[in-house]
Protein backbone atom coordinates (compact mmCIF):
# COMPACT_ATOMS: atom_id res chain seq x y z
CA MET A 1 -13.79 -33.40 -21.13
CA SER A 2 -13.04 -33.50 -17.41
CA SER A 3 -11.30 -30.68 -15.64
CA VAL A 4 -7.74 -31.31 -14.51
CA SER A 5 -6.36 -29.38 -11.57
CA LEU A 6 -3.20 -29.33 -9.54
CA PRO A 7 -3.56 -30.00 -5.82
CA GLU A 8 -2.16 -27.48 -3.35
CA ILE A 9 0.05 -30.26 -1.99
CA PRO A 10 1.60 -32.33 -4.82
CA GLU A 11 0.45 -35.94 -5.00
CA ASP A 12 3.84 -37.30 -6.03
CA ILE A 13 7.14 -35.57 -5.44
CA GLY A 14 10.02 -37.01 -7.43
CA ASP A 15 13.55 -37.58 -6.23
CA ILE A 16 15.59 -34.45 -5.65
CA VAL A 17 18.59 -34.78 -8.00
CA ALA A 18 20.22 -31.44 -7.11
CA TRP A 19 19.31 -27.94 -5.94
CA HIS A 20 18.94 -24.69 -7.85
CA SER A 21 19.59 -21.31 -6.38
CA HIS A 22 18.56 -17.94 -7.79
CA ILE A 23 20.22 -14.80 -6.46
CA TYR A 24 18.22 -11.65 -7.26
CA PHE A 25 19.73 -8.19 -7.59
CA THR A 26 18.96 -4.66 -8.79
CA PRO A 27 21.17 -2.11 -10.54
CA GLU A 28 21.99 -0.74 -7.07
CA THR A 29 23.00 -4.16 -5.71
CA HIS A 30 24.69 -5.45 -8.87
CA HIS A 31 28.12 -5.13 -7.20
CA ILE A 32 27.01 -7.51 -4.42
CA ALA A 33 25.88 -10.07 -7.01
CA LEU A 34 29.26 -9.79 -8.74
CA ARG A 35 31.04 -10.49 -5.46
CA LEU A 36 28.75 -13.40 -4.61
CA ASN A 37 29.27 -14.89 -8.06
CA GLU A 38 33.03 -15.06 -7.45
CA GLU A 39 32.86 -16.23 -3.84
CA LEU A 40 30.26 -18.85 -4.72
CA GLN A 41 32.56 -20.44 -7.28
CA ASP A 42 35.50 -20.29 -4.88
CA ASN A 43 33.48 -22.38 -2.42
CA PHE A 44 31.16 -24.63 -4.47
CA LYS A 45 31.13 -26.66 -7.66
CA ILE A 46 28.26 -25.28 -9.70
CA TRP A 47 26.71 -25.89 -13.13
CA ASP A 48 23.53 -25.06 -15.07
CA TYR A 49 24.43 -21.40 -14.78
CA ARG A 50 22.48 -18.46 -16.11
CA TRP A 51 22.97 -14.71 -15.55
CA LEU A 52 20.08 -12.41 -16.52
CA ASP A 53 20.57 -8.63 -16.40
CA ALA A 54 16.83 -8.00 -16.72
CA ALA A 55 13.58 -9.43 -15.46
CA ASN A 56 11.98 -12.07 -17.64
CA GLY A 57 8.61 -13.83 -17.64
CA LEU A 58 9.50 -15.96 -14.63
CA HIS A 59 11.83 -13.76 -12.58
CA PRO A 60 10.74 -10.24 -11.51
CA THR A 61 14.25 -8.75 -11.28
CA PRO A 62 17.71 -9.47 -12.67
CA MET A 63 19.24 -12.61 -11.18
CA PHE A 64 21.74 -15.34 -11.63
CA ARG A 65 21.08 -18.99 -11.03
CA PHE A 66 23.01 -22.23 -10.81
CA ALA A 67 22.76 -25.82 -9.66
CA ILE A 68 24.47 -27.14 -6.54
CA LEU A 69 25.12 -30.69 -5.45
CA LYS A 70 22.71 -32.33 -3.02
CA GLU A 71 25.53 -32.96 -0.58
CA ASP A 72 26.39 -29.22 -0.60
CA PHE A 73 22.86 -28.10 0.28
CA GLN A 74 23.33 -27.49 4.02
CA ARG A 75 26.74 -25.90 3.61
CA TYR A 76 25.41 -23.66 0.80
CA VAL A 77 22.38 -22.48 2.80
CA GLU A 78 24.59 -21.65 5.80
CA TRP A 79 27.03 -19.81 3.53
CA ILE A 80 24.44 -17.79 1.57
CA LEU A 81 22.57 -16.79 4.75
CA LYS A 82 25.73 -15.01 5.88
CA ALA A 83 27.07 -13.83 2.50
CA ARG A 84 23.94 -12.50 0.75
CA ALA A 85 24.30 -8.94 2.11
CA GLY A 86 20.56 -8.33 1.87
CA LEU A 87 19.95 -9.88 -1.56
CA VAL A 88 16.91 -12.09 -2.03
CA VAL A 89 17.72 -15.76 -2.62
CA LEU A 90 15.54 -18.61 -3.82
CA VAL A 91 16.70 -22.18 -3.32
CA HIS A 92 14.54 -24.92 -4.80
CA ALA A 93 14.71 -28.62 -5.44
CA ILE A 94 15.26 -30.07 -8.91
CA THR A 95 12.81 -32.97 -9.26
CA GLY A 96 11.76 -32.62 -12.89
CA ASP A 97 8.51 -30.79 -12.18
CA ASP A 98 9.44 -27.12 -12.61
CA TYR A 99 6.10 -25.91 -11.24
CA VAL A 100 6.35 -27.92 -7.99
CA ASP A 101 10.06 -27.09 -7.69
CA HIS A 102 9.48 -23.31 -7.94
CA THR A 103 6.40 -23.28 -5.70
CA TYR A 104 5.96 -26.11 -3.20
CA LEU A 105 9.65 -27.11 -2.94
CA ALA A 106 11.00 -23.54 -2.72
CA LEU A 107 12.86 -21.88 0.14
CA TRP A 108 13.09 -18.09 0.20
CA ILE A 109 15.80 -16.20 2.03
CA GLY A 110 14.70 -12.59 2.38
CA GLU A 111 11.56 -11.27 0.74
CA LYS A 112 9.45 -13.79 -1.19
CA TYR A 113 8.98 -12.66 -4.79
CA GLU A 114 6.02 -13.54 -6.95
CA LEU A 115 7.33 -15.65 -9.82
CA GLY A 116 5.63 -15.90 -13.23
CA VAL A 117 5.03 -19.63 -12.92
CA GLU A 118 1.93 -19.75 -15.13
CA ARG A 119 3.74 -21.40 -18.08
CA MET A 120 5.14 -24.02 -15.73
CA ARG A 121 1.68 -24.57 -14.27
CA GLU A 122 0.17 -25.00 -17.73
CA ALA A 123 2.89 -27.51 -18.70
CA ALA A 124 2.26 -29.46 -15.48
CA LEU A 125 -1.50 -29.47 -16.13
CA LYS A 126 -0.98 -30.66 -19.71
CA ALA A 127 1.36 -33.46 -18.60
CA LYS A 128 -1.11 -34.53 -15.92
CA ALA A 129 -4.02 -34.52 -18.40
CA GLU A 130 -1.94 -36.69 -20.76
CA GLY A 131 -0.91 -39.00 -17.92
CA LYS A 132 2.77 -38.16 -18.42
CA PRO A 133 5.38 -37.04 -15.90
CA ALA A 134 6.33 -33.35 -16.05
CA ILE A 135 10.05 -33.80 -16.72
CA SER A 136 11.90 -30.59 -17.53
CA GLY A 137 15.17 -29.83 -19.25
CA VAL A 138 16.43 -28.47 -15.93
CA PHE A 139 15.98 -31.98 -14.49
CA GLU A 140 18.13 -33.57 -17.19
CA THR A 141 20.83 -30.95 -16.72
CA GLY A 142 20.54 -31.15 -12.93
CA ARG A 143 21.15 -34.89 -13.01
CA ASN A 144 24.43 -34.34 -14.83
CA GLU A 145 26.63 -33.77 -11.76
CA ALA A 146 29.72 -34.40 -13.89
CA LEU A 147 29.31 -30.80 -15.09
CA ALA A 148 29.77 -29.45 -11.55
CA GLY A 149 32.79 -27.19 -11.29
CA GLN A 150 33.95 -27.77 -14.88
CA ILE A 151 33.58 -24.12 -15.96
CA ARG A 152 34.29 -20.84 -14.18
CA PHE A 153 31.19 -18.75 -14.98
CA ARG A 154 31.23 -15.00 -15.52
CA PRO A 155 28.40 -12.48 -15.24
CA GLY A 156 26.50 -12.54 -18.51
CA ASP A 157 27.13 -16.24 -19.15
CA ASP A 158 24.00 -18.11 -20.10
CA ILE A 159 24.16 -21.83 -20.84
CA TYR A 160 20.97 -21.52 -22.87
CA LYS A 161 22.56 -19.01 -25.24
CA ILE A 162 25.70 -21.15 -25.52
CA ARG A 163 23.66 -24.30 -26.09
CA ASN A 164 21.61 -22.64 -28.85
CA GLN A 165 24.47 -20.97 -30.74
CA PRO A 166 25.02 -22.33 -34.24
CA THR A 167 28.10 -24.40 -34.72
CA GLU A 168 30.62 -23.56 -37.44
CA GLY A 169 29.13 -24.03 -40.89
CA THR A 170 25.47 -23.79 -39.78
CA GLN A 171 22.95 -21.03 -40.22
CA ALA A 172 21.67 -19.01 -37.26
């Protein structure tokens, strides 16, 4: 069996369908994240929202994340540079390859955090070994611009929890 590796510079970068942004906070800066959450939705149509009050395997601190439209990218970056009040922000492309998106196609505003991208890397390696594209669920959701601005998100909202809740009459 031959060894499969990922190049430092990706061989093929897919089309950018939208952008994701992650805004990181701590218990001490939680109030800033709350303010940004409201102001963000006053100024941009967002979707694919997730608020995490604790670190997880990928993100080293609490954060909230959302998708923004390609055409809002420049305006968003200019806005968040001024509004972030010291919070760390990650903005990355949505191309379908989560590993490339969170590493090679990532822009950090403030300190650069080490993300737990090993699972993404393993998925990308497996897809490459099988000769398949590394298309993620984030890509499919990111392509669905019709969702932009349809819901006003609140801290604690998590589309993954909503999506995985049993419907009436089903077992959890």
